[in-house]
Amino acid sequence: MKTKHIQKQLDFFVRDKSHHAYRKPAEDPHALAGQFAAQGLDDMQRSVRRLRYVLAQETPVVFPDERITLLRTVRTIPEIPERSLSVCTLQDVSPSPAAEEFLRFWA
């Protein structure tokens, strides 16, 4: 049995998709890749900068009557060039300053 609150949430988010109005316009997903390549950043540094860029672009949005929220407002997640998607272990990247920065960021 649906309560009025649940029905209202279903209508807003699922049926009407009204939350999409808060998303930013799509961007070129490859825009940052060129900048990072020009700077000569390694894989971990590019990943950290990409994550920071996306998080800095997010806009907090909380709707009335919401109890748990995480609305994504960034429509485009920048691409990481194919060559940076190599498989590695934490031991491979842990000595890197970028890896340490990444771990501090998420601590």
PDB file of N, CA and C in Angstrom:
ATOM      1  N   MET A   1       0.842  -1.180   0.000  1.00  0.00           N
ATOM      2  CA  MET A   1       0.000   0.000   0.000  1.00  0.00           C
ATOM      3  C   MET A   1       0.887   1.243   0.000  1.00  0.00           C
ATOM      4  N   LYS A   2       0.632   2.133  -0.940  1.00  0.00           N
ATOM      5  CA  LYS A   2       1.412   3.363  -1.052  1.00  0.00           C
ATOM      6  C   LYS A   2       0.785   4.460  -0.197  1.00  0.00           C
ATOM      7  N   THR A   3       1.649   5.141   0.525  1.00  0.00           N
ATOM      8  CA  THR A   3       1.181   6.309   1.263  1.00  0.00           C
ATOM      9  C   THR A   3       1.147   7.498   0.310  1.00  0.00           C
ATOM     10  N   LYS A   4       0.536   8.589   0.734  1.00  0.00           N
ATOM     11  CA  LYS A   4       0.513   9.802  -0.093  1.00  0.00           C
ATOM     12  C   LYS A   4       1.934  10.299  -0.357  1.00  0.00           C
ATOM     13  N   HIS A   5       2.772  10.205   0.668  1.00  0.00           N
ATOM     14  CA  HIS A   5       4.161  10.656   0.526  1.00  0.00           C
ATOM     15  C   HIS A   5       4.904   9.843  -0.547  1.00  0.00           C
ATOM     16  N   ILE A   6       4.752   8.530  -0.497  1.00  0.00           N
ATOM     17  CA  ILE A   6       5.425   7.673  -1.481  1.00  0.00           C
ATOM     18  C   ILE A   6       4.872   7.934  -2.872  1.00  0.00           C
ATOM     19  N   GLN A   7       3.579   8.066  -3.013  1.00  0.00           N
ATOM     20  CA  GLN A   7       2.989   8.338  -4.320  1.00  0.00           C
ATOM     21  C   GLN A   7       3.495   9.677  -4.881  1.00  0.00           C
ATOM     22  N   LYS A   8       3.583  10.667  -4.018  1.00  0.00           N
ATOM     23  CA  LYS A   8       4.086  11.982  -4.438  1.00  0.00           C
ATOM     24  C   LYS A   8       5.528  11.873  -4.933  1.00  0.00           C
ATOM     25  N   GLN A   9       6.362  11.117  -4.219  1.00  0.00           N
ATOM     26  CA  GLN A   9       7.752  10.912  -4.622  1.00  0.00           C
ATOM     27  C   GLN A   9       7.828  10.145  -5.943  1.00  0.00           C
ATOM     28  N   LEU A  10       7.034   9.105  -6.082  1.00  0.00           N
ATOM     29  CA  LEU A  10       7.023   8.332  -7.328  1.00  0.00           C
ATOM     30  C   LEU A  10       6.629   9.203  -8.516  1.00  0.00           C
ATOM     31  N   ASP A  11       5.600  10.001  -8.330  1.00  0.00           N
ATOM     32  CA  ASP A  11       5.161  10.888  -9.407  1.00  0.00           C
ATOM     33  C   ASP A  11       6.254  11.880  -9.780  1.00  0.00           C
ATOM     34  N   PHE A  12       6.848  12.498  -8.781  1.00  0.00           N
ATOM     35  CA  PHE A  12       7.843  13.543  -9.029  1.00  0.00           C
ATOM     36  C   PHE A  12       9.103  12.986  -9.700  1.00  0.00           C
ATOM     37  N   PHE A  13       9.657  11.901  -9.137  1.00  0.00           N
ATOM     38  CA  PHE A  13      10.941  11.386  -9.616  1.00  0.00           C
ATOM     39  C   PHE A  13      10.819  10.376 -10.753  1.00  0.00           C
ATOM     40  N   VAL A  14       9.859   9.494 -10.695  1.00  0.00           N
ATOM     41  CA  VAL A  14       9.796   8.402 -11.659  1.00  0.00           C
ATOM     42  C   VAL A  14       8.890   8.735 -12.841  1.00  0.00           C
ATOM     43  N   ARG A  15       7.658   9.115 -12.562  1.00  0.00           N
ATOM     44  CA  ARG A  15       6.707   9.346 -13.650  1.00  0.00           C
ATOM     45  C   ARG A  15       6.985  10.653 -14.385  1.00  0.00           C
ATOM     46  N   ASP A  16       7.087  11.772 -13.632  1.00  0.00           N
ATOM     47  CA  ASP A  16       7.247  13.091 -14.252  1.00  0.00           C
ATOM     48  C   ASP A  16       8.705  13.455 -14.531  1.00  0.00           C
ATOM     49  N   LYS A  17       9.622  12.821 -13.806  1.00  0.00           N
ATOM     50  CA  LYS A  17      11.057  13.121 -13.927  1.00  0.00           C
ATOM     51  C   LYS A  17      11.332  14.622 -13.754  1.00  0.00           C
ATOM     52  N   SER A  18      10.601  15.225 -12.829  1.00  0.00           N
ATOM     53  CA  SER A  18      10.711  16.671 -12.593  1.00  0.00           C
ATOM     54  C   SER A  18      12.090  17.078 -12.086  1.00  0.00           C
ATOM     55  N   HIS A  19      12.786  16.163 -11.454  1.00  0.00           N
ATOM     56  CA  HIS A  19      14.123  16.478 -10.939  1.00  0.00           C
ATOM     57  C   HIS A  19      15.122  16.749 -12.058  1.00  0.00           C
ATOM     58  N   HIS A  20      14.844  16.319 -13.276  1.00  0.00           N
ATOM     59  CA  HIS A  20      15.756  16.566 -14.394  1.00  0.00           C
ATOM     60  C   HIS A  20      15.907  18.052 -14.701  1.00  0.00           C
ATOM     61  N   ALA A  21      14.957  18.850 -14.270  1.00  0.00           N
ATOM     62  CA  ALA A  21      15.032  20.299 -14.497  1.00  0.00           C
ATOM     63  C   ALA A  21      16.233  20.920 -13.791  1.00  0.00           C
ATOM     64  N   TYR A  22      16.774  20.241 -12.793  1.00  0.00           N
ATOM     65  CA  TYR A  22      17.903  20.775 -12.025  1.00  0.00           C
ATOM     66  C   TYR A  22      19.251  20.344 -12.585  1.00  0.00           C
ATOM     67  N   ARG A  23      19.248  19.530 -13.617  1.00  0.00           N
ATOM     68  CA  ARG A  23      20.509  19.096 -14.226  1.00  0.00           C
ATOM     69  C   ARG A  23      21.064  20.197 -15.113  1.00  0.00           C
ATOM     70  N   LYS A  24      22.373  20.259 -15.140  1.00  0.00           N
ATOM     71  CA  LYS A  24      23.059  21.248 -15.966  1.00  0.00           C
ATOM     72  C   LYS A  24      23.110  20.760 -17.413  1.00  0.00           C
ATOM     73  N   PRO A  25      23.316  21.671 -18.359  1.00  0.00           N
ATOM     74  CA  PRO A  25      23.401  21.246 -19.764  1.00  0.00           C
ATOM     75  C   PRO A  25      24.580  20.292 -19.974  1.00  0.00           C
ATOM     76  N   ALA A  26      24.423  19.420 -20.955  1.00  0.00           N
ATOM     77  CA  ALA A  26      25.493  18.476 -21.279  1.00  0.00           C
ATOM     78  C   ALA A  26      26.731  19.229 -21.774  1.00  0.00           C
ATOM     79  N   GLU A  27      27.889  18.675 -21.453  1.00  0.00           N
ATOM     80  CA  GLU A  27      29.158  19.253 -21.886  1.00  0.00           C
ATOM     81  C   GLU A  27      29.901  18.258 -22.764  1.00  0.00           C
ATOM     82  N   ASP A  28      30.985  18.701 -23.351  1.00  0.00           N
ATOM     83  CA  ASP A  28      31.851  17.818 -24.121  1.00  0.00           C
ATOM     84  C   ASP A  28      32.576  16.894 -23.149  1.00  0.00           C
ATOM     85  N   PRO A  29      32.329  15.580 -23.210  1.00  0.00           N
ATOM     86  CA  PRO A  29      32.950  14.677 -22.237  1.00  0.00           C
ATOM     87  C   PRO A  29      34.466  14.546 -22.411  1.00  0.00           C
ATOM     88  N   HIS A  30      35.002  15.051 -23.517  1.00  0.00           N
ATOM     89  CA  HIS A  30      36.440  14.932 -23.776  1.00  0.00           C
ATOM     90  C   HIS A  30      37.203  16.230 -23.512  1.00  0.00           C
ATOM     91  N   ALA A  31      36.519  17.258 -23.039  1.00  0.00           N
ATOM     92  CA  ALA A  31      37.141  18.573 -22.858  1.00  0.00           C
ATOM     93  C   ALA A  31      38.312  18.534 -21.880  1.00  0.00           C
ATOM     94  N   LEU A  32      38.148  17.857 -20.761  1.00  0.00           N
ATOM     95  CA  LEU A  32      39.225  17.812 -19.772  1.00  0.00           C
ATOM     96  C   LEU A  32      40.372  16.917 -20.206  1.00  0.00           C
ATOM     97  N   ALA A  33      40.089  15.890 -20.990  1.00  0.00           N
ATOM     98  CA  ALA A  33      41.130  14.939 -21.406  1.00  0.00           C
ATOM     99  C   ALA A  33      42.266  15.651 -22.126  1.00  0.00           C
ATOM    100  N   GLY A  34      41.938  16.598 -22.994  1.00  0.00           N
ATOM    101  CA  GLY A  34      42.971  17.355 -23.711  1.00  0.00           C
ATOM    102  C   GLY A  34      43.823  18.189 -22.776  1.00  0.00           C
ATOM    103  N   GLN A  35      43.175  18.821 -21.808  1.00  0.00           N
ATOM    104  CA  GLN A  35      43.916  19.627 -20.831  1.00  0.00           C
ATOM    105  C   GLN A  35      44.855  18.756 -20.009  1.00  0.00           C
ATOM    106  N   PHE A  36      44.357  17.622 -19.568  1.00  0.00           N
ATOM    107  CA  PHE A  36      45.176  16.734 -18.736  1.00  0.00           C
ATOM    108  C   PHE A  36      46.348  16.169 -19.535  1.00  0.00           C
ATOM    109  N   ALA A  37      46.113  15.837 -20.799  1.00  0.00           N
ATOM    110  CA  ALA A  37      47.189  15.309 -21.634  1.00  0.00           C
ATOM    111  C   ALA A  37      48.265  16.374 -21.832  1.00  0.00           C
ATOM    112  N   ALA A  38      47.833  17.616 -22.040  1.00  0.00           N
ATOM    113  CA  ALA A  38      48.791  18.710 -22.239  1.00  0.00           C
ATOM    114  C   ALA A  38      49.620  18.963 -20.983  1.00  0.00           C
ATOM    115  N   GLN A  39      49.043  18.689 -19.828  1.00  0.00           N
ATOM    116  CA  GLN A  39      49.765  18.893 -18.563  1.00  0.00           C
ATOM    117  C   GLN A  39      50.666  17.713 -18.219  1.00  0.00           C
ATOM    118  N   GLY A  40      50.553  16.620 -18.960  1.00  0.00           N
ATOM    119  CA  GLY A  40      51.387  15.455 -18.715  1.00  0.00           C
ATOM    120  C   GLY A  40      51.081  14.737 -17.411  1.00  0.00           C
ATOM    121  N   LEU A  41      49.827  14.751 -16.993  1.00  0.00           N
ATOM    122  CA  LEU A  41      49.440  14.119 -15.728  1.00  0.00           C
ATOM    123  C   LEU A  41      49.391  12.601 -15.875  1.00  0.00           C
ATOM    124  N   ASP A  42      49.758  11.893 -14.796  1.00  0.00           N
ATOM    125  CA  ASP A  42      49.670  10.435 -14.843  1.00  0.00           C
ATOM    126  C   ASP A  42      48.219  10.015 -14.602  1.00  0.00           C
ATOM    127  N   ASP A  43      47.966   8.700 -14.703  1.00  0.00           N
ATOM    128  CA  ASP A  43      46.600   8.182 -14.605  1.00  0.00           C
ATOM    129  C   ASP A  43      45.896   8.599 -13.315  1.00  0.00           C
ATOM    130  N   MET A  44      46.575   8.444 -12.208  1.00  0.00           N
ATOM    131  CA  MET A  44      45.953   8.749 -10.916  1.00  0.00           C
ATOM    132  C   MET A  44      45.677  10.249 -10.794  1.00  0.00           C
ATOM    133  N   GLN A  45      46.596  11.078 -11.227  1.00  0.00           N
ATOM    134  CA  GLN A  45      46.387  12.528 -11.158  1.00  0.00           C
ATOM    135  C   GLN A  45      45.185  12.936 -12.001  1.00  0.00           C
ATOM    136  N   ARG A  46      45.050  12.351 -13.200  1.00  0.00           N
ATOM    137  CA  ARG A  46      43.902  12.669 -14.052  1.00  0.00           C
ATOM    138  C   ARG A  46      42.596  12.230 -13.390  1.00  0.00           C
ATOM    139  N   SER A  47      42.606  11.055 -12.778  1.00  0.00           N
ATOM    140  CA  SER A  47      41.392  10.555 -12.126  1.00  0.00           C
ATOM    141  C   SER A  47      40.989  11.442 -10.957  1.00  0.00           C
ATOM    142  N   VAL A  48      41.973  11.861 -10.171  1.00  0.00           N
ATOM    143  CA  VAL A  48      41.697  12.729  -9.029  1.00  0.00           C
ATOM    144  C   VAL A  48      41.149  14.073  -9.507  1.00  0.00           C
ATOM    145  N   ARG A  49      41.772  14.651 -10.515  1.00  0.00           N
ATOM    146  CA  ARG A  49      41.303  15.959 -11.016  1.00  0.00           C
ATOM    147  C   ARG A  49      39.920  15.858 -11.642  1.00  0.00           C
ATOM    148  N   ARG A  50      39.665  14.759 -12.326  1.00  0.00           N
ATOM    149  CA  ARG A  50      38.350  14.552 -12.938  1.00  0.00           C
ATOM    150  C   ARG A  50      37.283  14.467 -11.854  1.00  0.00           C
ATOM    151  N   LEU A  51      37.541  13.688 -10.805  1.00  0.00           N
ATOM    152  CA  LEU A  51      36.588  13.566  -9.707  1.00  0.00           C
ATOM    153  C   LEU A  51      36.362  14.909  -9.020  1.00  0.00           C
ATOM    154  N   ARG A  52      37.438  15.627  -8.760  1.00  0.00           N
ATOM    155  CA  ARG A  52      37.295  16.949  -8.127  1.00  0.00           C
ATOM    156  C   ARG A  52      36.480  17.901  -8.996  1.00  0.00           C
ATOM    157  N   TYR A  53      36.710  17.858 -10.304  1.00  0.00           N
ATOM    158  CA  TYR A  53      35.968  18.708 -11.236  1.00  0.00           C
ATOM    159  C   TYR A  53      34.468  18.406 -11.149  1.00  0.00           C
ATOM    160  N   VAL A  54      34.120  17.116 -11.203  1.00  0.00           N
ATOM    161  CA  VAL A  54      32.706  16.737 -11.179  1.00  0.00           C
ATOM    162  C   VAL A  54      32.070  17.143  -9.852  1.00  0.00           C
ATOM    163  N   LEU A  55      32.754  16.875  -8.747  1.00  0.00           N
ATOM    164  CA  LEU A  55      32.185  17.216  -7.443  1.00  0.00           C
ATOM    165  C   LEU A  55      32.042  18.727  -7.270  1.00  0.00           C
ATOM    166  N   ALA A  56      32.973  19.494  -7.808  1.00  0.00           N
ATOM    167  CA  ALA A  56      32.884  20.956  -7.715  1.00  0.00           C
ATOM    168  C   ALA A  56      31.722  21.502  -8.542  1.00  0.00           C
ATOM    169  N   GLN A  57      31.345  20.780  -9.603  1.00  0.00           N
ATOM    170  CA  GLN A  57      30.249  21.230 -10.467  1.00  0.00           C
ATOM    171  C   GLN A  57      28.874  20.895  -9.907  1.00  0.00           C
ATOM    172  N   GLU A  58      28.803  19.945  -8.983  1.00  0.00           N
ATOM    173  CA  GLU A  58      27.504  19.547  -8.428  1.00  0.00           C
ATOM    174  C   GLU A  58      26.870  20.692  -7.639  1.00  0.00           C
ATOM    175  N   THR A  59      25.565  20.773  -7.703  1.00  0.00           N
ATOM    176  CA  THR A  59      24.801  21.777  -6.979  1.00  0.00           C
ATOM    177  C   THR A  59      23.876  21.058  -5.998  1.00  0.00           C
ATOM    178  N   PRO A  60      23.988  21.344  -4.703  1.00  0.00           N
ATOM    179  CA  PRO A  60      23.093  20.680  -3.749  1.00  0.00           C
ATOM    180  C   PRO A  60      21.636  21.059  -4.009  1.00  0.00           C
ATOM    181  N   VAL A  61      20.787  20.056  -4.101  1.00  0.00           N
ATOM    182  CA  VAL A  61      19.358  20.268  -4.299  1.00  0.00           C
ATOM    183  C   VAL A  61      18.630  19.350  -3.322  1.00  0.00           C
ATOM    184  N   VAL A  62      17.789  19.931  -2.485  1.00  0.00           N
ATOM    185  CA  VAL A  62      16.981  19.147  -1.552  1.00  0.00           C
ATOM    186  C   VAL A  62      15.523  19.579  -1.763  1.00  0.00           C
ATOM    187  N   PHE A  63      14.683  18.611  -2.041  1.00  0.00           N
ATOM    188  CA  PHE A  63      13.283  18.893  -2.307  1.00  0.00           C
ATOM    189  C   PHE A  63      12.471  18.820  -1.013  1.00  0.00           C
ATOM    190  N   PRO A  64      11.342  19.518  -0.971  1.00  0.00           N
ATOM    191  CA  PRO A  64      10.483  19.446   0.220  1.00  0.00           C
ATOM    192  C   PRO A  64      10.074  17.995   0.491  1.00  0.00           C
ATOM    193  N   ASP A  65      10.001  17.648   1.726  1.00  0.00           N
ATOM    194  CA  ASP A  65       9.588  16.316   2.171  1.00  0.00           C
ATOM    195  C   ASP A  65      10.597  15.214   1.880  1.00  0.00           C
ATOM    196  N   GLU A  66      11.775  15.563   1.389  1.00  0.00           N
ATOM    197  CA  GLU A  66      12.795  14.543   1.133  1.00  0.00           C
ATOM    198  C   GLU A  66      13.500  14.196   2.432  1.00  0.00           C
ATOM    199  N   ARG A  67      13.753  12.926   2.626  1.00  0.00           N
ATOM    200  CA  ARG A  67      14.438  12.483   3.837  1.00  0.00           C
ATOM    201  C   ARG A  67      15.860  12.015   3.543  1.00  0.00           C
ATOM    202  N   ILE A  68      16.030  11.358   2.420  1.00  0.00           N
ATOM    203  CA  ILE A  68      17.358  10.912   1.980  1.00  0.00           C
ATOM    204  C   ILE A  68      17.535  11.468   0.579  1.00  0.00           C
ATOM    205  N   THR A  69      18.649  12.133   0.342  1.00  0.00           N
ATOM    206  CA  THR A  69      18.803  12.770  -0.954  1.00  0.00           C
ATOM    207  C   THR A  69      20.220  12.639  -1.498  1.00  0.00           C
ATOM    208  N   LEU A  70      20.295  12.479  -2.783  1.00  0.00           N
ATOM    209  CA  LEU A  70      21.541  12.583  -3.533  1.00  0.00           C
ATOM    210  C   LEU A  70      21.117  12.757  -4.984  1.00  0.00           C
ATOM    211  N   LEU A  71      20.921  13.993  -5.370  1.00  0.00           N
ATOM    212  CA  LEU A  71      20.491  14.300  -6.725  1.00  0.00           C
ATOM    213  C   LEU A  71      21.706  14.682  -7.544  1.00  0.00           C
ATOM    214  N   ARG A  72      21.938  13.964  -8.623  1.00  0.00           N
ATOM    215  CA  ARG A  72      23.049  14.293  -9.509  1.00  0.00           C
ATOM    216  C   ARG A  72      22.626  15.422 -10.427  1.00  0.00           C
ATOM    217  N   THR A  73      23.390  16.526 -10.403  1.00  0.00           N
ATOM    218  CA  THR A  73      23.064  17.662 -11.261  1.00  0.00           C
ATOM    219  C   THR A  73      24.005  17.775 -12.453  1.00  0.00           C
ATOM    220  N   VAL A  74      25.140  17.103 -12.403  1.00  0.00           N
ATOM    221  CA  VAL A  74      26.088  17.139 -13.526  1.00  0.00           C
ATOM    222  C   VAL A  74      25.651  16.077 -14.525  1.00  0.00           C
ATOM    223  N   ARG A  75      25.348  16.507 -15.730  1.00  0.00           N
ATOM    224  CA  ARG A  75      24.840  15.598 -16.756  1.00  0.00           C
ATOM    225  C   ARG A  75      25.965  14.800 -17.415  1.00  0.00           C
ATOM    226  N   THR A  76      27.135  15.422 -17.595  1.00  0.00           N
ATOM    227  CA  THR A  76      28.235  14.785 -18.322  1.00  0.00           C
ATOM    228  C   THR A  76      29.408  14.525 -17.395  1.00  0.00           C
ATOM    229  N   ILE A  77      29.823  13.280 -17.305  1.00  0.00           N
ATOM    230  CA  ILE A  77      31.020  12.913 -16.556  1.00  0.00           C
ATOM    231  C   ILE A  77      32.165  12.884 -17.568  1.00  0.00           C
ATOM    232  N   PRO A  78      33.222  13.691 -17.367  1.00  0.00           N
ATOM    233  CA  PRO A  78      34.312  13.740 -18.346  1.00  0.00           C
ATOM    234  C   PRO A  78      34.954  12.379 -18.560  1.00  0.00           C
ATOM    235  N   GLU A  79      35.346  12.133 -19.788  1.00  0.00           N
ATOM    236  CA  GLU A  79      36.009  10.890 -20.157  1.00  0.00           C
ATOM    237  C   GLU A  79      37.454  10.887 -19.680  1.00  0.00           C
ATOM    238  N   ILE A  80      37.977   9.704 -19.446  1.00  0.00           N
ATOM    239  CA  ILE A  80      39.398   9.515 -19.196  1.00  0.00           C
ATOM    240  C   ILE A  80      39.924   8.811 -20.440  1.00  0.00           C
ATOM    241  N   PRO A  81      41.002   9.305 -21.038  1.00  0.00           N
ATOM    242  CA  PRO A  81      41.503   8.671 -22.266  1.00  0.00           C
ATOM    243  C   PRO A  81      41.729   7.175 -22.073  1.00  0.00           C
ATOM    244  N   GLU A  82      41.513   6.390 -23.142  1.00  0.00           N
ATOM    245  CA  GLU A  82      41.651   4.933 -23.101  1.00  0.00           C
ATOM    246  C   GLU A  82      42.959   4.485 -22.472  1.00  0.00           C
ATOM    247  N   ARG A  83      44.057   5.147 -22.800  1.00  0.00           N
ATOM    248  CA  ARG A  83      45.353   4.682 -22.319  1.00  0.00           C
ATOM    249  C   ARG A  83      45.472   4.767 -20.803  1.00  0.00           C
ATOM    250  N   SER A  84      44.607   5.544 -20.168  1.00  0.00           N
ATOM    251  CA  SER A  84      44.697   5.677 -18.720  1.00  0.00           C
ATOM    252  C   SER A  84      43.892   4.614 -17.981  1.00  0.00           C
ATOM    253  N   LEU A  85      43.199   3.759 -18.718  1.00  0.00           N
ATOM    254  CA  LEU A  85      42.346   2.778 -18.073  1.00  0.00           C
ATOM    255  C   LEU A  85      43.064   1.454 -17.821  1.00  0.00           C
ATOM    256  N   SER A  86      44.367   1.489 -17.732  1.00  0.00           N
ATOM    257  CA  SER A  86      45.104   0.257 -17.475  1.00  0.00           C
ATOM    258  C   SER A  86      44.793  -0.244 -16.071  1.00  0.00           C
ATOM    259  N   VAL A  87      44.848  -1.556 -15.909  1.00  0.00           N
ATOM    260  CA  VAL A  87      44.577  -2.167 -14.614  1.00  0.00           C
ATOM    261  C   VAL A  87      45.818  -2.058 -13.747  1.00  0.00           C
ATOM    262  N   CYS A  88      45.648  -1.626 -12.516  1.00  0.00           N
ATOM    263  CA  CYS A  88      46.766  -1.540 -11.594  1.00  0.00           C
ATOM    264  C   CYS A  88      46.277  -1.860 -10.192  1.00  0.00           C
ATOM    265  N   THR A  89      47.196  -2.096  -9.300  1.00  0.00           N
ATOM    266  CA  THR A  89      46.852  -2.381  -7.910  1.00  0.00           C
ATOM    267  C   THR A  89      47.200  -1.177  -7.061  1.00  0.00           C
ATOM    268  N   LEU A  90      46.740  -1.166  -5.828  1.00  0.00           N
ATOM    269  CA  LEU A  90      47.045  -0.068  -4.924  1.00  0.00           C
ATOM    270  C   LEU A  90      48.557   0.050  -4.720  1.00  0.00           C
ATOM    271  N   GLN A  91      49.255  -1.088  -4.731  1.00  0.00           N
ATOM    272  CA  GLN A  91      50.700  -1.047  -4.569  1.00  0.00           C
ATOM    273  C   GLN A  91      51.365  -0.314  -5.734  1.00  0.00           C
ATOM    274  N   ASP A  92      50.765  -0.390  -6.914  1.00  0.00           N
ATOM    275  CA  ASP A  92      51.319   0.297  -8.078  1.00  0.00           C
ATOM    276  C   ASP A  92      51.235   1.808  -7.939  1.00  0.00           C
ATOM    277  N   VAL A  93      50.212   2.310  -7.260  1.00  0.00           N
ATOM    278  CA  VAL A  93      49.998   3.751  -7.210  1.00  0.00           C
ATOM    279  C   VAL A  93      50.221   4.366  -5.844  1.00  0.00           C
ATOM    280  N   SER A  94      50.337   3.564  -4.804  1.00  0.00           N
ATOM    281  CA  SER A  94      50.399   4.127  -3.464  1.00  0.00           C
ATOM    282  C   SER A  94      51.567   5.080  -3.226  1.00  0.00           C
ATOM    283  N   PRO A  95      52.762   4.894  -3.834  1.00  0.00           N
ATOM    284  CA  PRO A  95      53.827   5.866  -3.581  1.00  0.00           C
ATOM    285  C   PRO A  95      53.576   7.227  -4.237  1.00  0.00           C
ATOM    286  N   SER A  96      52.648   7.281  -5.168  1.00  0.00           N
ATOM    287  CA  SER A  96      52.398   8.503  -5.928  1.00  0.00           C
ATOM    288  C   SER A  96      51.768   9.588  -5.054  1.00  0.00           C
ATOM    289  N   PRO A  97      52.209  10.839  -5.191  1.00  0.00           N
ATOM    290  CA  PRO A  97      51.576  11.942  -4.459  1.00  0.00           C
ATOM    291  C   PRO A  97      50.090  12.080  -4.801  1.00  0.00           C
ATOM    292  N   ALA A  98      49.735  11.774  -6.047  1.00  0.00           N
ATOM    293  CA  ALA A  98      48.327  11.872  -6.444  1.00  0.00           C
ATOM    294  C   ALA A  98      47.484  10.833  -5.709  1.00  0.00           C
ATOM    295  N   ALA A  99      48.026   9.617  -5.524  1.00  0.00           N
ATOM    296  CA  ALA A  99      47.299   8.585  -4.796  1.00  0.00           C
ATOM    297  C   ALA A  99      47.109   8.999  -3.343  1.00  0.00           C
ATOM    298  N   GLU A 100      48.152   9.567  -2.751  1.00  0.00           N
ATOM    299  CA  GLU A 100      48.044  10.039  -1.373  1.00  0.00           C
ATOM    300  C   GLU A 100      47.005  11.147  -1.270  1.00  0.00           C
ATOM    301  N   GLU A 101      46.978  12.034  -2.253  1.00  0.00           N
ATOM    302  CA  GLU A 101      45.996  13.119  -2.292  1.00  0.00           C
ATOM    303  C   GLU A 101      44.583  12.546  -2.403  1.00  0.00           C
ATOM    304  N   PHE A 102      44.423  11.544  -3.257  1.00  0.00           N
ATOM    305  CA  PHE A 102      43.134  10.902  -3.445  1.00  0.00           C
ATOM    306  C   PHE A 102      42.650  10.259  -2.149  1.00  0.00           C
ATOM    307  N   LEU A 103      43.541   9.555  -1.477  1.00  0.00           N
ATOM    308  CA  LEU A 103      43.169   8.893  -0.226  1.00  0.00           C
ATOM    309  C   LEU A 103      42.867   9.906   0.881  1.00  0.00           C
ATOM    310  N   ARG A 104      43.601  11.017   0.928  1.00  0.00           N
ATOM    311  CA  ARG A 104      43.297  12.067   1.909  1.00  0.00           C
ATOM    312  C   ARG A 104      41.933  12.684   1.621  1.00  0.00           C
ATOM    313  N   PHE A 105      41.631  12.878   0.331  1.00  0.00           N
ATOM    314  CA  PHE A 105      40.379  13.479  -0.080  1.00  0.00           C
ATOM    315  C   PHE A 105      39.199  12.644   0.410  1.00  0.00           C
ATOM    316  N   TRP A 106      39.318  11.307   0.376  1.00  0.00           N
ATOM    317  CA  TRP A 106      38.214  10.430   0.733  1.00  0.00           C
ATOM    318  C   TRP A 106      38.278   9.950   2.171  1.00  0.00           C
ATOM    319  N   ALA A 107      39.286  10.388   2.921  1.00  0.00           N
ATOM    320  CA  ALA A 107      39.400   9.937   4.323  1.00  0.00           C
ATOM    321  C   ALA A 107      38.326  10.555   5.190  1.00  0.00           C
TER     322      ALA A 107
END
